[in-house]
Amino acid sequence: MSRIARIEGRGLPFGGHDVDTDRIIPARFLKAVRFEGIEAHVFEDERAMFAGPGRHPFDDPVFAGAAVLAVNRNFGCGSSREHAPQALFRWGIRVIVGESFSEIFFGNSLALGLPCVSIAAPDATALQARIASDPAATVVVDLEAMEVEMAGARWRVTMPAAARDAFLSGTWDATGLLLDRYEEVEAVASRLPYVGGFGL
């Protein structure tokens, strides 16, 4: 099990409210039964429209390798597809700082070990502006202090207590919890008559 208390890395500002999962990962990629390679298709349709002088943030080389995604209100709304946080995580995002998140997106991110912390709207705008003006600077998200720090500026963030405790204790990883005490799983399975004969 992996405890997550502090995440740091360069930031990527992504402005706009109500960014839905259809935008994050287009529906045609939901046919995949494995997630390998899905990161290449993050915001694919939007990125294809940026053929002019402007660049989509996920194609801009100044944000390449960013670990901290700064967003606005109701990020991850729309369908319940877990492909959206999977694609972001596999692209390299390790924490999302935003005004608010879809409940299902938040839960899917939690299951991956991808914290989503909430920040006041003016602070979200300030963080995005600071990242845009200094993309090489390190952004630090501290889940113990519940704050974001960048180049001397600090902003308070929030997260539901149960999710914060899960990250700080490492219990966000349900599979890890099972494997950590797998002998107990096997002991229970051995007592269940309908499990016998299946190689456990």
N, C-alpha and C. Protein backbone atom coordinates (compact mmCIF):
# COMPACT_ATOMS: atom_id res chain seq x y z
N MET A 1 0.84 -1.19 0.00
CA MET A 1 0.00 0.00 0.00
C MET A 1 0.87 1.24 0.00
N SER A 2 0.43 2.28 -0.67
CA SER A 2 1.23 3.48 -0.86
C SER A 2 0.54 4.69 -0.24
N ARG A 3 1.20 5.29 0.73
CA ARG A 3 0.69 6.48 1.37
C ARG A 3 0.98 7.68 0.47
N ILE A 4 -0.01 8.55 0.30
CA ILE A 4 0.16 9.75 -0.52
C ILE A 4 -0.10 10.96 0.37
N ALA A 5 0.94 11.72 0.65
CA ALA A 5 0.81 12.87 1.53
C ALA A 5 1.26 14.16 0.87
N ARG A 6 2.18 14.07 -0.07
CA ARG A 6 2.74 15.28 -0.68
C ARG A 6 3.06 14.98 -2.14
N ILE A 7 2.55 15.80 -3.01
CA ILE A 7 2.79 15.64 -4.45
C ILE A 7 3.42 16.94 -4.94
N GLU A 8 4.47 16.83 -5.70
CA GLU A 8 5.08 18.03 -6.25
C GLU A 8 5.52 17.80 -7.69
N GLY A 9 5.47 18.85 -8.45
CA GLY A 9 5.86 18.79 -9.86
C GLY A 9 5.43 20.06 -10.54
N ARG A 10 5.72 20.15 -11.80
CA ARG A 10 5.31 21.33 -12.55
C ARG A 10 3.81 21.28 -12.81
N GLY A 11 3.23 22.44 -13.05
CA GLY A 11 1.79 22.52 -13.21
C GLY A 11 1.34 22.64 -14.65
N LEU A 12 0.06 22.39 -14.86
CA LEU A 12 -0.58 22.55 -16.17
C LEU A 12 -1.93 23.22 -15.92
N PRO A 13 -2.12 24.47 -16.39
CA PRO A 13 -3.41 25.14 -16.19
C PRO A 13 -4.40 24.75 -17.28
N PHE A 14 -5.60 24.37 -16.87
CA PHE A 14 -6.63 24.02 -17.86
C PHE A 14 -7.90 24.73 -17.45
N GLY A 15 -8.18 25.84 -18.12
CA GLY A 15 -9.30 26.68 -17.75
C GLY A 15 -10.63 26.20 -18.32
N GLY A 16 -11.70 26.65 -17.66
CA GLY A 16 -13.06 26.34 -18.14
C GLY A 16 -13.85 25.52 -17.14
N HIS A 17 -15.14 25.82 -17.07
CA HIS A 17 -16.03 25.09 -16.17
C HIS A 17 -16.67 23.92 -16.90
N ASP A 18 -17.16 22.94 -16.12
CA ASP A 18 -17.94 21.80 -16.64
C ASP A 18 -17.19 21.02 -17.73
N VAL A 19 -15.93 20.76 -17.52
CA VAL A 19 -15.16 19.93 -18.45
C VAL A 19 -15.58 18.48 -18.24
N ASP A 20 -16.27 17.91 -19.23
CA ASP A 20 -16.84 16.58 -19.02
C ASP A 20 -15.92 15.47 -19.51
N THR A 21 -16.27 14.26 -19.12
CA THR A 21 -15.43 13.11 -19.44
C THR A 21 -15.40 12.80 -20.93
N ASP A 22 -16.44 13.22 -21.67
CA ASP A 22 -16.43 13.05 -23.13
C ASP A 22 -15.33 13.89 -23.76
N ARG A 23 -15.05 15.05 -23.18
CA ARG A 23 -13.96 15.88 -23.67
C ARG A 23 -12.61 15.30 -23.26
N ILE A 24 -12.53 14.83 -22.03
CA ILE A 24 -11.25 14.30 -21.53
C ILE A 24 -10.82 13.08 -22.33
N ILE A 25 -11.75 12.17 -22.57
CA ILE A 25 -11.43 10.99 -23.37
C ILE A 25 -12.63 10.65 -24.23
N PRO A 26 -12.56 10.86 -25.54
CA PRO A 26 -13.71 10.64 -26.43
C PRO A 26 -14.26 9.22 -26.34
N ALA A 27 -15.56 9.10 -26.58
CA ALA A 27 -16.27 7.84 -26.37
C ALA A 27 -15.72 6.68 -27.17
N ARG A 28 -15.14 6.95 -28.33
CA ARG A 28 -14.67 5.83 -29.16
C ARG A 28 -13.54 5.05 -28.50
N PHE A 29 -12.90 5.64 -27.48
CA PHE A 29 -11.81 4.94 -26.81
C PHE A 29 -12.31 4.10 -25.63
N LEU A 30 -13.61 4.09 -25.40
CA LEU A 30 -14.15 3.30 -24.30
C LEU A 30 -14.21 1.82 -24.64
N LYS A 31 -13.99 1.48 -25.90
CA LYS A 31 -14.04 0.07 -26.30
C LYS A 31 -12.83 -0.70 -25.77
N ALA A 32 -11.81 0.02 -25.36
CA ALA A 32 -10.60 -0.63 -24.86
C ALA A 32 -10.88 -1.32 -23.54
N VAL A 33 -10.43 -2.56 -23.41
CA VAL A 33 -10.61 -3.30 -22.16
C VAL A 33 -9.37 -3.18 -21.28
N ARG A 34 -8.30 -2.66 -21.83
CA ARG A 34 -7.09 -2.37 -21.07
C ARG A 34 -6.78 -0.88 -21.25
N PHE A 35 -6.11 -0.31 -20.28
CA PHE A 35 -5.87 1.13 -20.31
C PHE A 35 -4.52 1.52 -20.90
N GLU A 36 -3.68 0.56 -21.24
CA GLU A 36 -2.37 0.89 -21.79
C GLU A 36 -2.50 1.75 -23.04
N GLY A 37 -1.76 2.83 -23.08
CA GLY A 37 -1.75 3.70 -24.25
C GLY A 37 -2.86 4.72 -24.30
N ILE A 38 -3.80 4.67 -23.35
CA ILE A 38 -4.96 5.58 -23.41
C ILE A 38 -4.55 7.03 -23.19
N GLU A 39 -3.40 7.23 -22.54
CA GLU A 39 -2.95 8.60 -22.27
C GLU A 39 -2.69 9.39 -23.55
N ALA A 40 -2.41 8.71 -24.65
CA ALA A 40 -2.16 9.40 -25.91
C ALA A 40 -3.42 10.08 -26.45
N HIS A 41 -4.58 9.71 -25.93
CA HIS A 41 -5.84 10.21 -26.46
C HIS A 41 -6.53 11.22 -25.54
N VAL A 42 -5.84 11.69 -24.50
CA VAL A 42 -6.41 12.71 -23.63
C VAL A 42 -6.77 13.94 -24.46
N PHE A 43 -8.01 14.38 -24.35
CA PHE A 43 -8.50 15.57 -25.07
C PHE A 43 -8.20 15.48 -26.57
N GLU A 44 -8.23 14.30 -27.14
CA GLU A 44 -7.80 14.13 -28.52
C GLU A 44 -8.56 14.99 -29.51
N ASP A 45 -9.89 15.03 -29.38
CA ASP A 45 -10.66 15.81 -30.35
C ASP A 45 -10.38 17.30 -30.24
N GLU A 46 -10.25 17.80 -29.02
CA GLU A 46 -9.92 19.22 -28.84
C GLU A 46 -8.52 19.53 -29.36
N ARG A 47 -7.60 18.66 -29.08
CA ARG A 47 -6.21 18.89 -29.51
C ARG A 47 -6.13 18.95 -31.04
N ALA A 48 -6.96 18.17 -31.71
CA ALA A 48 -6.95 18.16 -33.18
C ALA A 48 -7.42 19.49 -33.76
N MET A 49 -8.19 20.25 -33.00
CA MET A 49 -8.71 21.53 -33.49
C MET A 49 -7.69 22.66 -33.34
N PHE A 50 -6.63 22.42 -32.58
CA PHE A 50 -5.63 23.45 -32.35
C PHE A 50 -4.53 23.33 -33.40
N ALA A 51 -4.86 23.67 -34.63
CA ALA A 51 -3.89 23.56 -35.73
C ALA A 51 -3.21 24.89 -36.01
N GLY A 52 -3.73 25.97 -35.41
CA GLY A 52 -3.18 27.29 -35.67
C GLY A 52 -2.01 27.61 -34.77
N PRO A 53 -1.78 28.90 -34.53
CA PRO A 53 -0.64 29.30 -33.72
C PRO A 53 -0.77 28.92 -32.25
N GLY A 54 -2.01 28.82 -31.75
CA GLY A 54 -2.22 28.43 -30.36
C GLY A 54 -2.04 26.94 -30.18
N ARG A 55 -1.72 26.53 -28.98
CA ARG A 55 -1.56 25.11 -28.68
C ARG A 55 -2.53 24.72 -27.57
N HIS A 56 -3.03 23.50 -27.67
CA HIS A 56 -3.80 22.95 -26.57
C HIS A 56 -2.83 22.75 -25.40
N PRO A 57 -3.27 22.99 -24.16
CA PRO A 57 -2.34 22.84 -23.03
C PRO A 57 -1.65 21.48 -22.97
N PHE A 58 -2.34 20.41 -23.38
CA PHE A 58 -1.74 19.08 -23.32
C PHE A 58 -0.78 18.82 -24.48
N ASP A 59 -0.67 19.77 -25.40
CA ASP A 59 0.31 19.67 -26.48
C ASP A 59 1.41 20.72 -26.36
N ASP A 60 1.25 21.66 -25.44
CA ASP A 60 2.22 22.73 -25.31
C ASP A 60 3.47 22.19 -24.62
N PRO A 61 4.62 22.28 -25.28
CA PRO A 61 5.84 21.71 -24.70
C PRO A 61 6.24 22.31 -23.36
N VAL A 62 5.80 23.53 -23.07
CA VAL A 62 6.17 24.11 -21.77
C VAL A 62 5.50 23.41 -20.60
N PHE A 63 4.42 22.67 -20.90
CA PHE A 63 3.72 21.94 -19.84
C PHE A 63 3.99 20.43 -19.90
N ALA A 64 4.84 20.00 -20.81
CA ALA A 64 5.14 18.57 -20.93
C ALA A 64 5.72 18.05 -19.62
N GLY A 65 5.24 16.91 -19.18
CA GLY A 65 5.73 16.31 -17.94
C GLY A 65 5.12 16.88 -16.68
N ALA A 66 4.09 17.71 -16.82
CA ALA A 66 3.45 18.30 -15.64
C ALA A 66 2.77 17.22 -14.81
N ALA A 67 2.75 17.44 -13.50
CA ALA A 67 2.13 16.48 -12.58
C ALA A 67 0.92 17.06 -11.87
N VAL A 68 0.78 18.39 -11.87
CA VAL A 68 -0.30 19.06 -11.14
C VAL A 68 -1.22 19.75 -12.14
N LEU A 69 -2.46 19.30 -12.22
CA LEU A 69 -3.44 19.87 -13.14
C LEU A 69 -4.31 20.86 -12.38
N ALA A 70 -4.37 22.10 -12.85
CA ALA A 70 -5.15 23.15 -12.21
C ALA A 70 -6.39 23.43 -13.05
N VAL A 71 -7.58 23.19 -12.48
CA VAL A 71 -8.83 23.27 -13.23
C VAL A 71 -9.84 24.17 -12.50
N ASN A 72 -11.03 24.27 -13.08
CA ASN A 72 -12.06 25.12 -12.50
C ASN A 72 -13.23 24.30 -11.95
N ARG A 73 -14.45 24.77 -12.18
CA ARG A 73 -15.62 24.20 -11.51
C ARG A 73 -16.17 22.98 -12.23
N ASN A 74 -16.60 21.98 -11.45
CA ASN A 74 -17.31 20.79 -11.94
C ASN A 74 -16.49 20.01 -12.96
N PHE A 75 -15.22 19.83 -12.67
CA PHE A 75 -14.35 19.07 -13.56
C PHE A 75 -14.70 17.59 -13.50
N GLY A 76 -14.74 16.95 -14.68
CA GLY A 76 -15.02 15.52 -14.76
C GLY A 76 -16.49 15.17 -14.72
N CYS A 77 -17.35 16.12 -15.06
CA CYS A 77 -18.79 15.84 -15.08
C CYS A 77 -19.12 14.97 -16.30
N GLY A 78 -20.38 14.60 -16.42
CA GLY A 78 -20.79 13.78 -17.56
C GLY A 78 -20.89 12.31 -17.19
N SER A 79 -20.41 11.46 -18.07
CA SER A 79 -20.55 10.02 -17.86
C SER A 79 -19.62 9.54 -16.75
N SER A 80 -19.84 8.31 -16.32
CA SER A 80 -19.10 7.75 -15.18
C SER A 80 -17.82 7.05 -15.60
N ARG A 81 -17.40 7.19 -16.85
CA ARG A 81 -16.26 6.43 -17.37
C ARG A 81 -14.99 6.62 -16.54
N GLU A 82 -14.43 5.52 -16.09
CA GLU A 82 -13.17 5.59 -15.35
C GLU A 82 -11.99 5.84 -16.28
N HIS A 83 -12.24 5.76 -17.58
CA HIS A 83 -11.17 6.02 -18.55
C HIS A 83 -10.62 7.44 -18.43
N ALA A 84 -11.44 8.39 -17.99
CA ALA A 84 -11.00 9.79 -17.92
C ALA A 84 -9.87 9.96 -16.90
N PRO A 85 -10.07 9.59 -15.62
CA PRO A 85 -8.93 9.73 -14.70
C PRO A 85 -7.77 8.80 -15.05
N GLN A 86 -8.08 7.63 -15.61
CA GLN A 86 -7.01 6.72 -16.03
C GLN A 86 -6.12 7.39 -17.07
N ALA A 87 -6.73 8.04 -18.05
CA ALA A 87 -5.96 8.68 -19.12
C ALA A 87 -5.11 9.82 -18.57
N LEU A 88 -5.68 10.62 -17.67
CA LEU A 88 -4.93 11.71 -17.07
C LEU A 88 -3.76 11.19 -16.23
N PHE A 89 -4.03 10.17 -15.44
CA PHE A 89 -2.99 9.59 -14.58
C PHE A 89 -1.86 9.01 -15.42
N ARG A 90 -2.21 8.29 -16.46
CA ARG A 90 -1.19 7.67 -17.31
C ARG A 90 -0.43 8.71 -18.13
N TRP A 91 -1.06 9.86 -18.38
CA TRP A 91 -0.35 10.96 -19.05
C TRP A 91 0.73 11.53 -18.14
N GLY A 92 0.51 11.43 -16.82
CA GLY A 92 1.48 11.92 -15.86
C GLY A 92 0.92 12.78 -14.75
N ILE A 93 -0.36 13.08 -14.80
CA ILE A 93 -0.99 13.90 -13.76
C ILE A 93 -1.06 13.09 -12.46
N ARG A 94 -0.61 13.69 -11.36
CA ARG A 94 -0.60 13.00 -10.07
C ARG A 94 -1.48 13.66 -9.02
N VAL A 95 -1.99 14.85 -9.31
CA VAL A 95 -2.95 15.51 -8.43
C VAL A 95 -3.70 16.55 -9.26
N ILE A 96 -4.98 16.75 -8.93
CA ILE A 96 -5.78 17.77 -9.62
C ILE A 96 -6.28 18.76 -8.59
N VAL A 97 -6.04 20.03 -8.85
CA VAL A 97 -6.49 21.11 -7.98
C VAL A 97 -7.57 21.88 -8.72
N GLY A 98 -8.77 21.92 -8.17
CA GLY A 98 -9.85 22.59 -8.87
C GLY A 98 -10.92 23.11 -7.95
N GLU A 99 -11.81 23.91 -8.50
CA GLU A 99 -12.89 24.48 -7.70
C GLU A 99 -13.84 23.40 -7.19
N SER A 100 -14.19 22.46 -8.06
CA SER A 100 -15.05 21.35 -7.65
C SER A 100 -14.97 20.25 -8.70
N PHE A 101 -15.43 19.05 -8.31
CA PHE A 101 -15.32 17.87 -9.15
C PHE A 101 -16.63 17.10 -9.16
N SER A 102 -16.89 16.43 -10.28
CA SER A 102 -18.00 15.49 -10.31
C SER A 102 -17.75 14.41 -9.26
N GLU A 103 -18.81 14.00 -8.58
CA GLU A 103 -18.67 13.00 -7.51
C GLU A 103 -18.12 11.68 -8.03
N ILE A 104 -18.60 11.25 -9.21
CA ILE A 104 -18.14 9.97 -9.75
C ILE A 104 -16.69 10.08 -10.21
N PHE A 105 -16.33 11.18 -10.86
CA PHE A 105 -14.95 11.39 -11.26
C PHE A 105 -14.04 11.39 -10.04
N PHE A 106 -14.47 12.05 -8.98
CA PHE A 106 -13.69 12.10 -7.74
C PHE A 106 -13.46 10.69 -7.21
N GLY A 107 -14.52 9.86 -7.18
CA GLY A 107 -14.40 8.49 -6.68
C GLY A 107 -13.50 7.63 -7.55
N ASN A 108 -13.62 7.77 -8.86
CA ASN A 108 -12.76 7.01 -9.76
C ASN A 108 -11.29 7.42 -9.60
N SER A 109 -11.07 8.70 -9.37
CA SER A 109 -9.70 9.19 -9.16
C SER A 109 -9.13 8.68 -7.84
N LEU A 110 -9.95 8.68 -6.82
CA LEU A 110 -9.53 8.16 -5.51
C LEU A 110 -9.06 6.72 -5.63
N ALA A 111 -9.80 5.91 -6.38
CA ALA A 111 -9.45 4.50 -6.55
C ALA A 111 -8.12 4.29 -7.26
N LEU A 112 -7.65 5.31 -7.98
CA LEU A 112 -6.38 5.25 -8.70
C LEU A 112 -5.21 5.82 -7.90
N GLY A 113 -5.52 6.50 -6.81
CA GLY A 113 -4.47 7.21 -6.10
C GLY A 113 -4.19 8.56 -6.72
N LEU A 114 -5.23 9.18 -7.29
CA LEU A 114 -5.11 10.49 -7.92
C LEU A 114 -5.93 11.49 -7.11
N PRO A 115 -5.31 12.21 -6.17
CA PRO A 115 -6.07 13.13 -5.32
C PRO A 115 -6.67 14.29 -6.12
N CYS A 116 -7.89 14.65 -5.75
CA CYS A 116 -8.56 15.83 -6.30
C CYS A 116 -8.87 16.75 -5.12
N VAL A 117 -8.21 17.89 -5.05
CA VAL A 117 -8.42 18.81 -3.94
C VAL A 117 -9.13 20.06 -4.44
N SER A 118 -10.01 20.58 -3.60
CA SER A 118 -10.81 21.74 -3.98
C SER A 118 -10.18 23.03 -3.46
N ILE A 119 -10.30 24.05 -4.27
CA ILE A 119 -9.71 25.36 -3.96
C ILE A 119 -10.74 26.43 -4.30
N ALA A 120 -10.73 27.54 -3.57
CA ALA A 120 -11.67 28.63 -3.84
C ALA A 120 -11.48 29.15 -5.26
N ALA A 121 -12.58 29.61 -5.87
CA ALA A 121 -12.54 30.04 -7.27
C ALA A 121 -11.48 31.12 -7.54
N PRO A 122 -11.39 32.18 -6.72
CA PRO A 122 -10.34 33.17 -7.01
C PRO A 122 -8.93 32.58 -6.90
N ASP A 123 -8.76 31.64 -5.99
CA ASP A 123 -7.44 31.02 -5.83
C ASP A 123 -7.12 30.10 -7.00
N ALA A 124 -8.14 29.43 -7.54
CA ALA A 124 -7.93 28.60 -8.73
C ALA A 124 -7.43 29.45 -9.88
N THR A 125 -8.06 30.59 -10.07
CA THR A 125 -7.66 31.52 -11.14
C THR A 125 -6.23 32.02 -10.91
N ALA A 126 -5.92 32.35 -9.66
CA ALA A 126 -4.57 32.84 -9.34
C ALA A 126 -3.52 31.75 -9.57
N LEU A 127 -3.83 30.52 -9.19
CA LEU A 127 -2.89 29.41 -9.39
C LEU A 127 -2.66 29.16 -10.87
N GLN A 128 -3.75 29.14 -11.65
CA GLN A 128 -3.61 28.93 -13.09
C GLN A 128 -2.76 30.02 -13.73
N ALA A 129 -2.98 31.27 -13.33
CA ALA A 129 -2.22 32.39 -13.89
C ALA A 129 -0.74 32.28 -13.51
N ARG A 130 -0.48 31.88 -12.29
CA ARG A 130 0.91 31.77 -11.85
C ARG A 130 1.63 30.65 -12.59
N ILE A 131 0.94 29.53 -12.80
CA ILE A 131 1.54 28.43 -13.56
C ILE A 131 1.82 28.86 -15.00
N ALA A 132 0.86 29.55 -15.61
CA ALA A 132 1.03 30.00 -16.99
C ALA A 132 2.21 30.95 -17.13
N SER A 133 2.44 31.78 -16.11
CA SER A 133 3.53 32.75 -16.20
C SER A 133 4.88 32.16 -15.83
N ASP A 134 4.87 31.02 -15.12
CA ASP A 134 6.13 30.41 -14.70
C ASP A 134 5.99 28.88 -14.75
N PRO A 135 5.86 28.31 -15.95
CA PRO A 135 5.58 26.87 -16.08
C PRO A 135 6.70 25.96 -15.59
N ALA A 136 7.89 26.50 -15.38
CA ALA A 136 9.00 25.66 -14.90
C ALA A 136 9.01 25.54 -13.38
N ALA A 137 8.21 26.35 -12.70
CA ALA A 137 8.21 26.34 -11.24
C ALA A 137 7.52 25.09 -10.69
N THR A 138 7.93 24.69 -9.52
CA THR A 138 7.35 23.51 -8.87
C THR A 138 6.12 23.89 -8.07
N VAL A 139 5.07 23.10 -8.22
CA VAL A 139 3.85 23.25 -7.43
C VAL A 139 3.83 22.10 -6.42
N VAL A 140 3.57 22.43 -5.17
CA VAL A 140 3.53 21.42 -4.11
C VAL A 140 2.13 21.35 -3.54
N VAL A 141 1.55 20.15 -3.51
CA VAL A 141 0.25 19.92 -2.88
C VAL A 141 0.49 19.06 -1.65
N ASP A 142 0.19 19.61 -0.49
CA ASP A 142 0.44 18.95 0.79
C ASP A 142 -0.90 18.52 1.39
N LEU A 143 -1.14 17.22 1.44
CA LEU A 143 -2.42 16.72 1.96
C LEU A 143 -2.47 16.71 3.48
N GLU A 144 -1.33 16.83 4.13
CA GLU A 144 -1.33 16.95 5.58
C GLU A 144 -1.65 18.38 6.00
N ALA A 145 -0.99 19.34 5.39
CA ALA A 145 -1.26 20.74 5.70
C ALA A 145 -2.50 21.26 4.97
N MET A 146 -2.95 20.53 3.97
CA MET A 146 -4.07 20.93 3.10
C MET A 146 -3.84 22.31 2.51
N GLU A 147 -2.73 22.40 1.78
CA GLU A 147 -2.43 23.63 1.09
C GLU A 147 -1.64 23.35 -0.19
N VAL A 148 -1.70 24.31 -1.09
CA VAL A 148 -0.92 24.29 -2.33
C VAL A 148 0.08 25.43 -2.23
N GLU A 149 1.31 25.15 -2.61
CA GLU A 149 2.35 26.17 -2.56
C GLU A 149 3.06 26.24 -3.89
N MET A 150 3.33 27.47 -4.35
CA MET A 150 4.08 27.67 -5.58
C MET A 150 4.81 29.00 -5.51
N ALA A 151 6.12 28.95 -5.59
CA ALA A 151 6.95 30.15 -5.64
C ALA A 151 6.62 31.13 -4.52
N GLY A 152 6.45 30.59 -3.31
CA GLY A 152 6.20 31.44 -2.16
C GLY A 152 4.74 31.77 -1.89
N ALA A 153 3.86 31.52 -2.83
CA ALA A 153 2.42 31.75 -2.63
C ALA A 153 1.79 30.46 -2.10
N ARG A 154 0.82 30.62 -1.19
CA ARG A 154 0.13 29.46 -0.62
C ARG A 154 -1.37 29.66 -0.68
N TRP A 155 -2.07 28.57 -0.98
CA TRP A 155 -3.53 28.60 -1.01
C TRP A 155 -4.06 27.41 -0.22
N ARG A 156 -5.14 27.63 0.52
CA ARG A 156 -5.78 26.55 1.26
C ARG A 156 -6.59 25.69 0.30
N VAL A 157 -6.63 24.39 0.55
CA VAL A 157 -7.45 23.47 -0.23
C VAL A 157 -8.24 22.59 0.74
N THR A 158 -9.27 21.95 0.21
CA THR A 158 -10.09 21.06 1.02
C THR A 158 -10.29 19.73 0.30
N MET A 159 -10.70 18.74 1.08
CA MET A 159 -10.99 17.41 0.56
C MET A 159 -11.83 16.71 1.62
N PRO A 160 -12.80 15.88 1.21
CA PRO A 160 -13.56 15.14 2.22
C PRO A 160 -12.63 14.37 3.16
N ALA A 161 -12.96 14.37 4.45
CA ALA A 161 -12.08 13.78 5.46
C ALA A 161 -11.78 12.32 5.17
N ALA A 162 -12.78 11.56 4.73
CA ALA A 162 -12.56 10.13 4.48
C ALA A 162 -11.55 9.91 3.36
N ALA A 163 -11.63 10.74 2.30
CA ALA A 163 -10.69 10.60 1.18
C ALA A 163 -9.29 11.00 1.63
N ARG A 164 -9.19 12.08 2.38
CA ARG A 164 -7.88 12.52 2.87
C ARG A 164 -7.25 11.44 3.74
N ASP A 165 -8.03 10.88 4.64
CA ASP A 165 -7.51 9.81 5.51
C ASP A 165 -7.06 8.61 4.70
N ALA A 166 -7.80 8.28 3.63
CA ALA A 166 -7.44 7.14 2.79
C ALA A 166 -6.09 7.37 2.12
N PHE A 167 -5.85 8.59 1.63
CA PHE A 167 -4.56 8.89 1.00
C PHE A 167 -3.43 8.87 2.02
N LEU A 168 -3.66 9.48 3.17
CA LEU A 168 -2.60 9.58 4.18
C LEU A 168 -2.26 8.24 4.81
N SER A 169 -3.22 7.32 4.84
CA SER A 169 -2.98 6.01 5.45
C SER A 169 -2.61 4.94 4.42
N GLY A 170 -2.84 5.25 3.15
CA GLY A 170 -2.58 4.27 2.09
C GLY A 170 -3.75 3.34 1.83
N THR A 171 -4.87 3.54 2.51
CA THR A 171 -6.02 2.65 2.34
C THR A 171 -6.86 2.98 1.12
N TRP A 172 -6.44 3.97 0.32
CA TRP A 172 -7.13 4.24 -0.94
C TRP A 172 -6.98 3.07 -1.89
N ASP A 173 -5.93 2.26 -1.71
CA ASP A 173 -5.60 1.16 -2.62
C ASP A 173 -6.30 -0.12 -2.16
N ALA A 174 -7.53 -0.33 -2.64
CA ALA A 174 -8.32 -1.48 -2.21
C ALA A 174 -7.65 -2.80 -2.59
N THR A 175 -7.05 -2.86 -3.76
CA THR A 175 -6.36 -4.08 -4.18
C THR A 175 -5.16 -4.34 -3.28
N GLY A 176 -4.44 -3.28 -2.95
CA GLY A 176 -3.30 -3.41 -2.06
C GLY A 176 -3.70 -3.91 -0.69
N LEU A 177 -4.86 -3.45 -0.21
CA LEU A 177 -5.35 -3.91 1.08
C LEU A 177 -5.61 -5.42 1.07
N LEU A 178 -6.22 -5.90 -0.01
CA LEU A 178 -6.48 -7.34 -0.12
C LEU A 178 -5.19 -8.14 -0.18
N LEU A 179 -4.24 -7.68 -0.99
CA LEU A 179 -2.99 -8.42 -1.16
C LEU A 179 -2.13 -8.37 0.09
N ASP A 180 -2.24 -7.28 0.85
CA ASP A 180 -1.42 -7.13 2.04
C ASP A 180 -1.76 -8.18 3.09
N ARG A 181 -3.00 -8.61 3.12
CA ARG A 181 -3.43 -9.63 4.09
C ARG A 181 -4.17 -10.75 3.36
N TYR A 182 -3.52 -11.23 2.30
CA TYR A 182 -4.19 -12.18 1.42
C TYR A 182 -4.47 -13.51 2.10
N GLU A 183 -3.69 -13.84 3.14
CA GLU A 183 -3.96 -15.08 3.85
C GLU A 183 -5.35 -15.08 4.48
N GLU A 184 -5.84 -13.90 4.85
CA GLU A 184 -7.20 -13.80 5.40
C GLU A 184 -8.23 -14.02 4.29
N VAL A 185 -7.94 -13.51 3.11
CA VAL A 185 -8.83 -13.74 1.97
C VAL A 185 -8.92 -15.24 1.68
N GLU A 186 -7.77 -15.91 1.65
CA GLU A 186 -7.75 -17.34 1.38
C GLU A 186 -8.47 -18.13 2.46
N ALA A 187 -8.33 -17.70 3.73
CA ALA A 187 -9.00 -18.39 4.84
C ALA A 187 -10.52 -18.31 4.70
N VAL A 188 -11.01 -17.12 4.34
CA VAL A 188 -12.45 -16.97 4.14
C VAL A 188 -12.91 -17.79 2.95
N ALA A 189 -12.14 -17.74 1.86
CA ALA A 189 -12.51 -18.48 0.65
C ALA A 189 -12.57 -19.98 0.92
N SER A 190 -11.69 -20.48 1.76
CA SER A 190 -11.67 -21.92 2.04
C SER A 190 -12.91 -22.38 2.79
N ARG A 191 -13.59 -21.44 3.45
CA ARG A 191 -14.81 -21.80 4.20
C ARG A 191 -16.08 -21.67 3.37
N LEU A 192 -15.96 -21.13 2.15
CA LEU A 192 -17.14 -20.92 1.32
C LEU A 192 -17.33 -22.08 0.37
N PRO A 193 -18.41 -22.80 0.51
CA PRO A 193 -18.60 -24.01 -0.31
C PRO A 193 -18.66 -23.74 -1.81
N TYR A 194 -19.11 -22.55 -2.21
CA TYR A 194 -19.24 -22.27 -3.63
C TYR A 194 -17.94 -21.79 -4.26
N VAL A 195 -16.88 -21.64 -3.47
CA VAL A 195 -15.60 -21.21 -4.01
C VAL A 195 -14.69 -22.41 -4.31
N GLY A 196 -14.89 -23.50 -3.60
CA GLY A 196 -14.03 -24.68 -3.75
C GLY A 196 -13.98 -25.17 -5.19
N GLY A 197 -12.80 -25.64 -5.59
CA GLY A 197 -12.66 -26.19 -6.93
C GLY A 197 -12.30 -25.19 -7.99
N PHE A 198 -12.07 -23.93 -7.61
CA PHE A 198 -11.74 -22.91 -8.61
C PHE A 198 -10.28 -22.46 -8.50
N GLY A 199 -9.46 -23.25 -7.86
CA GLY A 199 -8.04 -22.98 -7.84
C GLY A 199 -7.57 -22.01 -6.80
N LEU A 200 -8.41 -21.66 -5.83
CA LEU A 200 -7.97 -20.74 -4.77
C LEU A 200 -7.24 -21.50 -3.70
